[in-house]
Protein backbone atom coordinates (compact mmCIF):
# COMPACT_ATOMS: atom_id res chain seq x y z
CA UNK A 1 -6.41 23.84 6.37
CA UNK A 2 -4.61 22.22 9.30
CA UNK A 3 -4.50 24.27 12.47
CA UNK A 4 -1.46 24.87 14.63
CA UNK A 5 -3.09 22.75 17.31
CA UNK A 6 -3.39 19.79 14.96
CA UNK A 7 0.22 20.18 13.92
CA UNK A 8 1.31 20.28 17.53
CA UNK A 9 -0.72 17.20 18.28
CA UNK A 10 0.88 15.37 15.42
CA UNK A 11 4.35 16.23 16.72
CA UNK A 12 4.09 13.55 19.36
CA UNK A 13 3.74 10.95 16.66
CA UNK A 14 6.73 12.42 14.89
CA UNK A 15 8.79 12.18 18.07
CA UNK A 16 8.90 8.41 17.76
CA UNK A 17 6.97 7.67 21.00
CA UNK A 18 5.53 4.26 20.18
CA UNK A 19 6.14 0.56 20.80
CA UNK A 20 8.73 -0.07 18.09
CA UNK A 21 9.19 -3.80 18.61
CA UNK A 22 5.45 -4.45 18.53
CA UNK A 23 4.83 -2.36 15.42
CA UNK A 24 7.73 -4.01 13.63
CA UNK A 25 6.58 -7.48 14.65
CA UNK A 26 3.01 -7.19 13.41
CA UNK A 27 4.12 -5.31 10.29
CA UNK A 28 6.62 -8.03 9.40
CA UNK A 29 3.92 -10.69 9.73
CA UNK A 30 1.59 -8.71 7.47
CA UNK A 31 4.47 -8.13 5.06
CA UNK A 32 4.75 -11.89 4.53
CA UNK A 33 1.89 -11.28 2.13
CA UNK A 34 4.24 -9.07 0.16
CA UNK A 35 6.95 -11.74 0.16
CA UNK A 36 4.56 -14.33 -1.26
CA UNK A 37 3.17 -11.79 -3.70
CA UNK A 38 6.68 -11.18 -5.02
CA UNK A 39 7.65 -14.85 -5.15
CA UNK A 40 4.47 -16.10 -6.79
CA UNK A 41 4.39 -13.22 -9.26
CA UNK A 42 7.95 -13.74 -10.51
CA UNK A 43 8.56 -17.49 -10.16
CA UNK A 44 6.77 -18.03 -13.45
CA UNK A 45 9.48 -16.10 -15.31
CA UNK A 46 12.15 -18.70 -14.50
CA UNK A 47 9.78 -21.60 -15.12
CA UNK A 48 8.61 -20.18 -18.45
CA UNK A 49 11.21 -21.82 -20.76
CA UNK A 50 10.31 -25.23 -19.32
CA UNK A 51 6.54 -25.29 -18.75
CA UNK A 52 6.05 -23.84 -22.24
CA UNK A 53 7.81 -26.91 -23.65
CA UNK A 54 5.83 -29.25 -21.37
CA UNK A 55 2.46 -27.79 -22.44
CA UNK A 56 3.62 -27.18 -26.05
CA UNK A 57 2.84 -23.44 -25.95
CA UNK A 58 4.02 -21.83 -29.18
CA UNK A 59 1.34 -19.25 -30.00
CA UNK A 60 1.89 -15.73 -28.54
CA UNK A 61 -1.69 -15.74 -27.30
CA UNK A 62 -1.14 -18.95 -25.32
CA UNK A 63 2.19 -17.71 -24.00
CA UNK A 64 0.69 -14.38 -22.96
CA UNK A 65 -2.29 -16.12 -21.32
CA UNK A 66 -0.01 -18.44 -19.34
CA UNK A 67 1.93 -15.44 -18.04
CA UNK A 68 -1.06 -13.19 -17.40
CA UNK A 69 -3.88 -15.52 -16.28
CA UNK A 70 -2.91 -15.12 -12.62
CA UNK A 71 -3.58 -11.42 -13.01
CA UNK A 72 -7.28 -12.16 -13.52
CA UNK A 73 -7.21 -13.71 -10.07
CA UNK A 74 -5.28 -10.71 -8.78
CA UNK A 75 -8.06 -8.42 -9.98
CA UNK A 76 -10.81 -10.49 -8.34
CA UNK A 77 -8.80 -10.84 -5.15
CA UNK A 78 -8.17 -7.10 -4.95
CA UNK A 79 -11.82 -6.19 -5.57
CA UNK A 80 -13.07 -8.84 -3.14
CA UNK A 81 -10.65 -7.51 -0.51
CA UNK A 82 -12.44 -4.15 -0.42
CA UNK A 83 -15.89 -5.36 0.59
CA UNK A 84 -14.73 -8.40 2.54
CA UNK A 85 -12.05 -6.61 4.59
CA UNK A 86 -14.53 -3.89 5.55
CA UNK A 87 -17.00 -6.54 6.64
CA UNK A 88 -14.79 -9.23 8.17
CA UNK A 89 -11.63 -7.32 9.01
CA UNK A 90 -8.10 -7.12 7.62
CA UNK A 91 -6.75 -10.02 9.69
CA UNK A 92 -9.19 -12.68 8.49
CA UNK A 93 -8.55 -11.80 4.86
CA UNK A 94 -4.79 -12.02 5.39
CA UNK A 95 -5.32 -15.52 6.78
CA UNK A 96 -7.41 -16.41 3.72
CA UNK A 97 -4.66 -15.11 1.42
CA UNK A 98 -2.07 -17.28 3.19
CA UNK A 99 -4.29 -20.35 2.81
CA UNK A 100 -4.80 -19.73 -0.91
CA UNK A 101 -1.07 -19.23 -1.43
CA UNK A 102 -0.43 -22.62 0.15
CA UNK A 103 -3.04 -24.50 -1.85
CA UNK A 104 -2.30 -22.90 -5.22
CA UNK A 105 1.47 -23.40 -5.03
CA UNK A 106 1.09 -27.14 -4.47
CA UNK A 107 -1.49 -27.74 -7.18
CA UNK A 108 0.21 -25.53 -9.77
CA UNK A 109 3.29 -27.70 -9.37
CA UNK A 110 1.17 -30.85 -9.76
CA UNK A 111 -0.71 -29.66 -12.88
CA UNK A 112 -0.75 -32.19 -15.73
CA UNK A 113 -2.76 -30.12 -18.21
CA UNK A 114 -2.54 -26.52 -19.32
CA UNK A 115 -6.13 -25.94 -18.14
CA UNK A 116 -5.28 -27.12 -14.62
CA UNK A 117 -2.15 -24.98 -14.67
CA UNK A 118 -4.20 -21.90 -15.57
CA UNK A 119 -6.88 -22.59 -12.94
CA UNK A 120 -4.37 -22.87 -10.10
CA UNK A 121 -2.42 -19.86 -11.32
CA UNK A 122 -5.67 -17.88 -11.14
CA UNK A 123 -6.27 -19.14 -7.58
CA UNK A 124 -2.75 -18.01 -6.70
CA UNK A 125 -3.59 -14.70 -8.33
CA UNK A 126 -6.56 -14.28 -5.97
CA UNK A 127 -4.12 -14.70 -3.07
CA UNK A 128 -1.81 -12.10 -4.61
CA UNK A 129 -4.73 -9.69 -5.07
CA UNK A 130 -5.77 -10.10 -1.44
CA UNK A 131 -2.24 -9.69 -0.11
CA UNK A 132 -1.37 -6.76 -2.35
CA UNK A 133 -4.43 -4.87 -1.11
CA UNK A 134 -4.40 -5.84 2.54
CA UNK A 135 -0.74 -6.05 3.58
CA UNK A 136 0.11 -2.37 2.90
CA UNK A 137 -3.33 -1.24 4.09
CA UNK A 138 -2.99 -3.11 7.38
CA UNK A 139 0.57 -1.84 7.95
CA UNK A 140 -0.50 1.75 7.25
CA UNK A 141 -3.36 1.47 9.75
CA UNK A 142 -1.15 0.24 12.58
CA UNK A 143 1.90 2.46 11.94
CA UNK A 144 2.63 5.90 13.48
CA UNK A 145 2.86 8.79 11.02
CA UNK A 146 6.60 9.29 11.53
CA UNK A 147 7.47 5.84 10.20
CA UNK A 148 4.44 4.92 8.11
CA UNK A 149 6.27 5.35 4.81
CA UNK A 150 9.11 3.16 6.02
CA UNK A 151 6.77 0.50 7.38
CA UNK A 152 4.66 0.32 4.22
CA UNK A 153 7.89 0.27 2.22
CA UNK A 154 8.80 -2.74 4.35
CA UNK A 155 6.00 -4.54 2.53
CA UNK A 156 7.59 -3.63 -0.80
CA UNK A 157 10.94 -4.77 0.58
CA UNK A 158 9.48 -8.19 1.32
CA UNK A 159 8.01 -8.18 -2.20
CA UNK A 160 11.49 -7.83 -3.69
CA UNK A 161 12.86 -10.38 -1.21
CA UNK A 162 10.21 -12.74 -2.57
CA UNK A 163 11.24 -11.84 -6.11
CA UNK A 164 14.89 -12.54 -5.31
CA UNK A 165 14.03 -15.82 -3.59
CA UNK A 166 12.06 -16.92 -6.64
CA UNK A 167 14.98 -16.02 -8.90
CA UNK A 168 17.50 -17.84 -6.70
CA UNK A 169 15.25 -20.89 -6.34
CA UNK A 170 14.70 -21.02 -10.11
CA UNK A 171 18.44 -20.75 -10.73
CA UNK A 172 19.27 -23.43 -8.16
CA UNK A 173 16.56 -25.85 -9.27
CA UNK A 174 17.20 -25.60 -13.00
CA UNK A 175 19.92 -27.85 -14.33
CA UNK A 176 22.35 -26.30 -16.85
CA UNK A 177 20.95 -26.34 -20.38
CA UNK A 178 23.57 -27.49 -22.94
CA UNK A 179 24.36 -25.09 -25.75
CA UNK A 180 22.35 -25.95 -28.84
CA UNK A 181 19.68 -27.87 -26.91
CA UNK A 182 16.49 -28.25 -28.91
CA UNK A 183 12.96 -27.75 -27.65
CA UNK A 184 12.59 -31.55 -27.49
CA UNK A 185 15.79 -31.84 -25.44
CA UNK A 186 14.49 -29.29 -22.94
CA UNK A 187 11.11 -31.04 -22.76
CA UNK A 188 12.71 -34.40 -21.97
CA UNK A 189 15.15 -32.96 -19.45
CA UNK A 190 14.66 -32.83 -15.69
CA UNK A 191 13.87 -29.12 -16.08
CA UNK A 192 11.08 -29.80 -18.55
CA UNK A 193 9.51 -32.65 -16.60
CA UNK A 194 10.08 -31.83 -12.93
CA UNK A 195 12.15 -28.70 -12.31
CA UNK A 196 9.47 -26.14 -13.16
CA UNK A 197 7.07 -27.96 -10.83
CA UNK A 198 9.38 -27.55 -7.85
CA UNK A 199 9.80 -23.86 -8.70
CA UNK A 200 6.09 -23.38 -7.97
CA UNK A 201 5.77 -25.99 -5.23
CA UNK A 202 8.33 -24.61 -2.78
CA UNK A 203 6.11 -21.55 -2.27
CA UNK A 204 4.11 -23.70 0.15
CA UNK A 205 6.84 -23.39 2.80
CA UNK A 206 6.70 -19.59 3.38
CA UNK A 207 2.93 -19.73 2.77
CA UNK A 208 2.47 -22.01 5.76
CA UNK A 209 4.64 -19.73 7.90
CA UNK A 210 2.49 -16.76 6.87
CA UNK A 211 -0.67 -18.73 7.66
CA UNK A 212 0.45 -19.65 11.18
CA UNK A 213 1.82 -16.24 12.19
CA UNK A 214 -1.24 -14.37 10.88
CA UNK A 215 -3.31 -15.79 13.73
CA UNK A 216 -1.15 -13.92 16.25
CA UNK A 217 -1.46 -10.33 14.98
CA UNK A 218 -4.22 -7.96 16.17
CA UNK A 219 -6.99 -6.62 14.03
CA UNK A 220 -6.51 -3.10 12.68
CA UNK A 221 -7.55 -0.51 15.30
CA UNK A 222 -9.07 1.68 12.59
CA UNK A 223 -11.24 -1.22 11.41
CA UNK A 224 -12.37 -1.81 15.00
CA UNK A 225 -13.29 1.87 15.32
CA UNK A 226 -15.12 1.87 12.01
CA UNK A 227 -17.22 -1.09 13.19
CA UNK A 228 -18.07 0.67 16.46
CA UNK A 229 -15.81 -1.60 18.51
CA UNK A 230 -14.16 1.27 20.34
CA UNK A 231 -12.90 -0.73 23.31
CA UNK A 232 -11.04 -3.16 21.06
CA UNK A 233 -9.65 -0.29 18.98
CA UNK A 234 -8.38 1.53 22.06
CA UNK A 235 -6.70 -1.62 23.35
CA UNK A 236 -4.68 -2.03 20.15
CA UNK A 237 -3.86 1.69 19.99
CA UNK A 238 -2.66 1.64 23.59
CA UNK A 239 -0.41 -1.31 22.80
CA UNK A 240 1.09 0.68 19.92
CA UNK A 241 1.27 4.22 21.35
CA UNK A 242 0.89 3.97 25.11
CA UNK A 243 -2.02 5.31 27.17
CA UNK A 244 -1.62 9.07 26.63
CA UNK A 245 -0.89 9.18 22.89
CA UNK A 246 -3.43 6.47 22.09
CA UNK A 247 -6.23 8.69 23.44
CA UNK A 248 -5.31 11.46 20.98
CA UNK A 249 -5.09 9.06 18.03
CA UNK A 250 -8.41 7.51 19.02
CA UNK A 251 -10.07 10.94 19.05
CA UNK A 252 -8.71 11.72 15.57
CA UNK A 253 -10.01 8.42 14.18
CA UNK A 254 -13.47 8.93 15.69
CA UNK A 255 -13.63 12.47 14.35
CA UNK A 256 -13.01 11.41 10.75
CA UNK A 257 -15.55 8.62 10.99
CA UNK A 258 -18.12 10.99 12.46
CA UNK A 259 -17.37 13.60 9.82
CA UNK A 260 -18.13 11.04 7.12
CA UNK A 261 -21.41 10.08 8.72
CA UNK A 262 -21.03 6.42 9.64
CA UNK A 263 -20.61 3.24 7.69
CA UNK A 264 -19.06 3.07 4.27
CA UNK A 265 -21.15 2.85 1.13
CA UNK A 266 -19.71 2.15 -2.34
CA UNK A 267 -21.46 5.19 -3.81
CA UNK A 268 -19.43 7.35 -1.42
CA UNK A 269 -16.40 6.65 -3.64
CA UNK A 270 -17.99 8.77 -6.34
CA UNK A 271 -18.72 11.82 -4.26
CA UNK A 272 -16.87 14.73 -5.91
CA UNK A 273 -14.60 15.36 -2.93
CA UNK A 274 -13.58 11.68 -2.80
CA UNK A 275 -13.60 10.86 -6.50
CA UNK A 276 -10.60 13.16 -7.04
CA UNK A 277 -8.59 11.17 -4.50
CA UNK A 278 -9.76 7.86 -5.97
CA UNK A 279 -8.66 8.93 -9.47
CA UNK A 280 -5.25 9.90 -8.11
CA UNK A 281 -4.79 6.44 -6.58
CA UNK A 282 -6.05 4.62 -9.70
CA UNK A 283 -3.82 6.55 -12.12
CA UNK A 284 -0.72 6.07 -9.96
CA UNK A 285 -1.48 2.34 -9.66
CA UNK A 286 -1.81 1.90 -13.42
CA UNK A 287 1.29 4.00 -14.04
CA UNK A 288 3.34 1.79 -11.73
CA UNK A 289 2.55 -1.12 -14.04
CA UNK A 290 2.56 0.60 -17.43
CA UNK A 291 6.01 2.01 -16.74
CA UNK A 292 7.01 -1.42 -18.05
CA UNK A 293 9.45 -2.72 -15.46
CA UNK A 294 7.52 -5.92 -14.76
CA UNK A 295 8.07 -7.22 -18.28
CA UNK A 296 11.75 -7.41 -17.36
CA UNK A 297 10.87 -9.80 -14.53
CA UNK A 298 8.20 -11.78 -16.37
CA UNK A 299 9.85 -11.93 -19.80
CA UNK A 300 13.48 -11.81 -18.74
CA UNK A 301 14.28 -14.86 -20.84
CA UNK A 302 13.17 -13.12 -24.05
CA UNK A 303 14.78 -9.79 -23.16
CA UNK A 304 18.15 -11.34 -22.35
CA UNK A 305 18.01 -13.87 -25.19
CA UNK A 306 17.43 -10.97 -27.60
CA UNK A 307 20.53 -9.43 -26.06
CA UNK A 308 22.57 -12.53 -26.94
CA UNK A 309 22.57 -14.52 -23.67
CA UNK A 310 22.21 -18.31 -23.40
CA UNK A 311 19.56 -19.94 -21.14
CA UNK A 312 21.92 -20.66 -18.22
CA UNK A 313 23.35 -17.14 -18.38
CA UNK A 314 19.83 -15.73 -18.46
CA UNK A 315 18.90 -17.42 -15.17
CA UNK A 316 22.05 -16.04 -13.55
CA UNK A 317 21.35 -12.55 -14.93
CA UNK A 318 17.85 -12.75 -13.45
CA UNK A 319 19.37 -13.39 -10.02
CA UNK A 320 21.56 -10.30 -10.45
CA UNK A 321 18.46 -8.20 -11.23
CA UNK A 322 16.88 -9.52 -8.02
CA UNK A 323 19.89 -8.57 -5.91
CA UNK A 324 19.86 -5.03 -7.31
CA UNK A 325 16.12 -4.86 -6.65
CA UNK A 326 16.63 -5.76 -2.98
CA UNK A 327 19.53 -3.36 -2.39
CA UNK A 328 17.71 -0.36 -3.77
CA UNK A 329 14.49 -1.30 -1.98
CA UNK A 330 16.46 -1.00 1.26
CA UNK A 331 17.53 2.47 0.14
CA UNK A 332 13.87 3.31 -0.54
CA UNK A 333 12.96 2.43 3.06
CA UNK A 334 15.51 5.00 4.23
CA UNK A 335 14.52 7.74 1.79
CA UNK A 336 10.71 7.56 1.73
CA UNK A 337 10.30 9.26 5.13
CA UNK A 338 13.29 11.58 4.57
CA UNK A 339 12.90 12.82 1.02
CA UNK A 340 9.16 12.25 0.81
CA UNK A 341 6.86 10.53 -1.67
CA UNK A 342 6.68 13.20 -4.35
CA UNK A 343 10.44 13.68 -5.01
CA UNK A 344 10.98 9.93 -5.29
CA UNK A 345 8.09 9.56 -7.74
CA UNK A 346 9.45 12.38 -9.89
CA UNK A 347 12.90 10.82 -9.89
CA UNK A 348 11.53 7.39 -10.79
CA UNK A 349 9.41 8.53 -13.73
CA UNK A 350 12.16 10.71 -15.21
CA UNK A 351 14.98 8.19 -14.76
CA UNK A 352 13.00 5.29 -16.24
CA UNK A 353 12.12 7.38 -19.29
CA UNK A 354 15.83 7.97 -19.90
CA UNK A 355 16.75 4.31 -19.28
CA UNK A 356 14.16 3.05 -21.74
CA UNK A 357 15.19 5.55 -24.39
CA UNK A 358 18.80 4.34 -24.20
CA UNK A 359 17.81 0.67 -23.87
CA UNK A 360 15.63 0.91 -26.96
CA UNK A 361 18.51 2.52 -28.85
CA UNK A 362 20.79 -0.38 -27.89
CA UNK A 363 18.37 -2.89 -29.38
CA UNK A 364 17.84 -0.71 -32.44
CA UNK A 365 21.57 -0.47 -33.19
CA UNK A 366 22.42 -4.06 -32.29
CA UNK A 367 24.31 -3.33 -29.06
CA UNK A 368 24.08 -6.51 -26.98
CA UNK A 369 25.61 -8.25 -23.98
CA UNK A 370 26.82 -6.48 -20.82
CA UNK A 371 25.61 -3.04 -21.93
CA UNK A 372 22.00 -4.23 -22.04
CA UNK A 373 22.40 -5.99 -18.70
CA UNK A 374 23.82 -2.81 -17.16
CA UNK A 375 20.92 -0.70 -18.46
CA UNK A 376 18.36 -3.22 -17.18
CA UNK A 377 20.01 -3.10 -13.75
CA UNK A 378 19.96 0.71 -13.71
CA UNK A 379 16.26 0.70 -14.66
CA UNK A 380 15.45 -1.80 -11.89
CA UNK A 381 17.43 0.26 -9.37
CA UNK A 382 15.54 3.43 -10.30
CA UNK A 383 12.20 1.64 -10.09
CA UNK A 384 13.03 -0.08 -6.78
CA UNK A 385 13.87 3.18 -5.05
CA UNK A 386 10.85 5.08 -6.35
CA UNK A 387 7.71 3.82 -8.11
CA UNK A 388 7.80 0.31 -6.65
CA UNK A 389 7.47 1.23 -2.95
CA UNK A 390 6.09 4.76 -3.14
CA UNK A 391 2.93 3.95 -5.10
CA UNK A 392 1.99 1.35 -2.47
CA UNK A 393 2.71 3.87 0.29
CA UNK A 394 0.55 6.55 -1.36
CA UNK A 395 -2.32 4.14 -2.06
CA UNK A 396 -2.31 2.97 1.55
CA UNK A 397 -2.51 6.47 3.03
CA UNK A 398 -4.48 8.88 0.79
CA UNK A 399 -7.97 7.41 1.25
CA UNK A 400 -10.28 8.44 4.14
CA UNK A 401 -10.82 5.97 6.99
CA UNK A 402 -14.43 5.17 6.14
CA UNK A 403 -13.74 4.18 2.52
CA UNK A 404 -10.12 3.02 2.80
CA UNK A 405 -10.83 -0.68 2.30
CA UNK A 406 -13.05 -0.19 -0.74
CA UNK A 407 -10.98 2.60 -2.29
CA UNK A 408 -7.76 0.67 -1.84
CA UNK A 409 -9.30 -2.38 -3.49
CA UNK A 410 -10.41 -0.27 -6.47
CA UNK A 411 -6.94 1.25 -6.86
CA UNK A 412 -5.19 -2.11 -6.49
CA UNK A 413 -7.74 -3.69 -8.83
CA UNK A 414 -6.84 -1.03 -11.40
CA UNK A 415 -3.18 -1.88 -10.80
CA UNK A 416 -3.81 -5.51 -11.66
CA UNK A 417 -5.84 -4.59 -14.75
CA UNK A 418 -2.87 -2.49 -15.83
CA UNK A 419 -0.52 -5.35 -15.07
CA UNK A 420 -2.66 -7.79 -17.08
CA UNK A 421 -2.69 -5.47 -20.08
CA UNK A 422 1.08 -4.96 -19.81
CA UNK A 423 1.88 -8.66 -19.46
CA UNK A 424 -0.57 -9.92 -22.08
CA UNK A 425 0.40 -7.36 -24.72
CA UNK A 426 4.18 -7.62 -24.40
CA UNK A 427 4.55 -10.64 -26.76
CA UNK A 428 2.52 -8.80 -29.39
CA UNK A 429 4.39 -5.52 -28.93
CA UNK A 430 7.71 -7.31 -28.99
CA UNK A 431 6.78 -9.15 -32.18
CA UNK A 432 5.33 -6.12 -34.00
CA UNK A 433 7.58 -3.29 -32.77
CA UNK A 434 10.64 -5.24 -31.72
CA UNK A 435 12.44 -4.76 -28.41
CA UNK A 436 13.51 -1.24 -29.33
CA UNK A 437 10.02 0.02 -30.17
CA UNK A 438 8.51 -1.69 -27.13
CA UNK A 439 10.88 0.01 -24.70
CA UNK A 440 10.34 3.36 -26.40
CA UNK A 441 6.59 2.95 -25.83
CA UNK A 442 7.24 2.35 -22.13
CA UNK A 443 9.53 5.39 -22.08
CA UNK A 444 6.78 7.58 -23.50
CA UNK A 445 4.39 6.33 -20.82
CA UNK A 446 6.95 7.29 -18.16
CA UNK A 447 7.08 10.84 -19.57
CA UNK A 448 3.27 11.10 -19.30
CA UNK A 449 3.45 9.72 -15.77
CA UNK A 450 6.04 12.33 -14.85
CA UNK A 451 3.73 15.16 -15.91
CA UNK A 452 0.84 13.63 -13.92
CA UNK A 453 2.94 13.35 -10.76
CA UNK A 454 4.14 16.94 -11.12
CA UNK A 455 0.58 18.17 -11.52
CA UNK A 456 -1.43 16.04 -9.10
CA UNK A 457 0.60 14.28 -6.39
CA UNK A 458 0.75 16.07 -3.00
CA UNK A 459 3.33 15.34 -0.32
CA UNK A 460 2.10 13.14 2.54
CA UNK A 461 5.35 12.60 4.44
CA UNK A 462 5.07 12.78 8.23
CA UNK A 463 1.30 13.32 8.36
CA UNK A 464 -1.22 11.17 10.20
CA UNK A 465 -3.80 9.36 8.10
CA UNK A 466 -6.46 11.63 9.55
CA UNK A 467 -4.46 14.76 8.68
CA UNK A 468 -4.02 13.55 5.08
CA UNK A 469 -7.74 12.89 4.92
CA UNK A 470 -8.53 16.40 6.09
CA UNK A 471 -6.23 17.94 3.46
CA UNK A 472 -7.20 15.81 0.47
CA UNK A 473 -10.92 15.12 0.91
CA UNK A 474 -12.11 18.72 1.05
């Protein structure tokens, strides 16, 4: 139970007394990891019709592996981030992620064999896994309670900016495909020989910018405190909060670390009082993926082609989905600290269940064209304002200070396992159940997710990380 004194102390954080420009600056740099995560994760969707022809991928297993192999790297990157970021710090791992983004984007574009393509996609996946774990974690650890939801949602906003950039770049790079073009025609075209390579290769430009700017951000003050580097922690906190407020925040951080008895151990994750919180983060992470929205980004060509669209129209439709994604992610940044995490999660799960039910019915009854596009856009809008940003916010804030790095990596690792299963199985589901049955399966998962959120997810809006820890880890 939180005392009146603790609530009064937290009110200063809620008053907005902090160095806004500094917090925004370092958060934007960290959020470059989100931008590259979004770009690298989605660029493959636009390149898919062309690299599949180049590598002669016709089997669903090969197609699914090409789309999902990066997710193996995501899993390893996320799990590595837990131990490594607790040992070496958040900043150094962000720098490593930026370096891997740069290298993998260049060599994926240069790949001459399917094996080389897969290897460099996995390396890029490691970068995504690192960034997806560390960017929101770092932002949460440097942000005041009053704006933490908004700042972590900034990371998700850069993710969708990256998604939109990938969609626009794919659309601009790809030359128009003539109606009736055969697989051989596409293979011999500029798209089939060179275009898909540039789609991957241009990622090196923002990757280098991320790499350079990462050297100029401070280390997380909570990581400094956890490592016993109190002077360094206080210096960063004072830069963020000012002298008076930073002393209070520093005391709160030290108290939670003392209460947990020192350095983090992996077995601490399975203590009964912490395991409950870990399960909450893991289930929400998997649900964010199994809700099915990412198949729209990764398999947009199949979804829209089944709805009657030609290749050139598909690429344009993908850009439209990206624009909607960005607009509603902006709305999420406004709402997450006003409405709270729980109401947005409830809305997202319920609305997606309805969208998928109707979308599946359209495919079942042969309703194609603009109606399907409209339903896809509504589903993306609902996801962008709810599950997409809020799950990352919750994962970044529910774990205690001492185990945050490891627990976050486990939750994000579970997210990437869920994403791999989703991406790898879609071709099989689509072939066996059809588009209608596949979307109905995702709708049923959203209903289950809704019940879980109603039963288990507490509200964390406006509370310091230490206050959340006190409430949840009892």
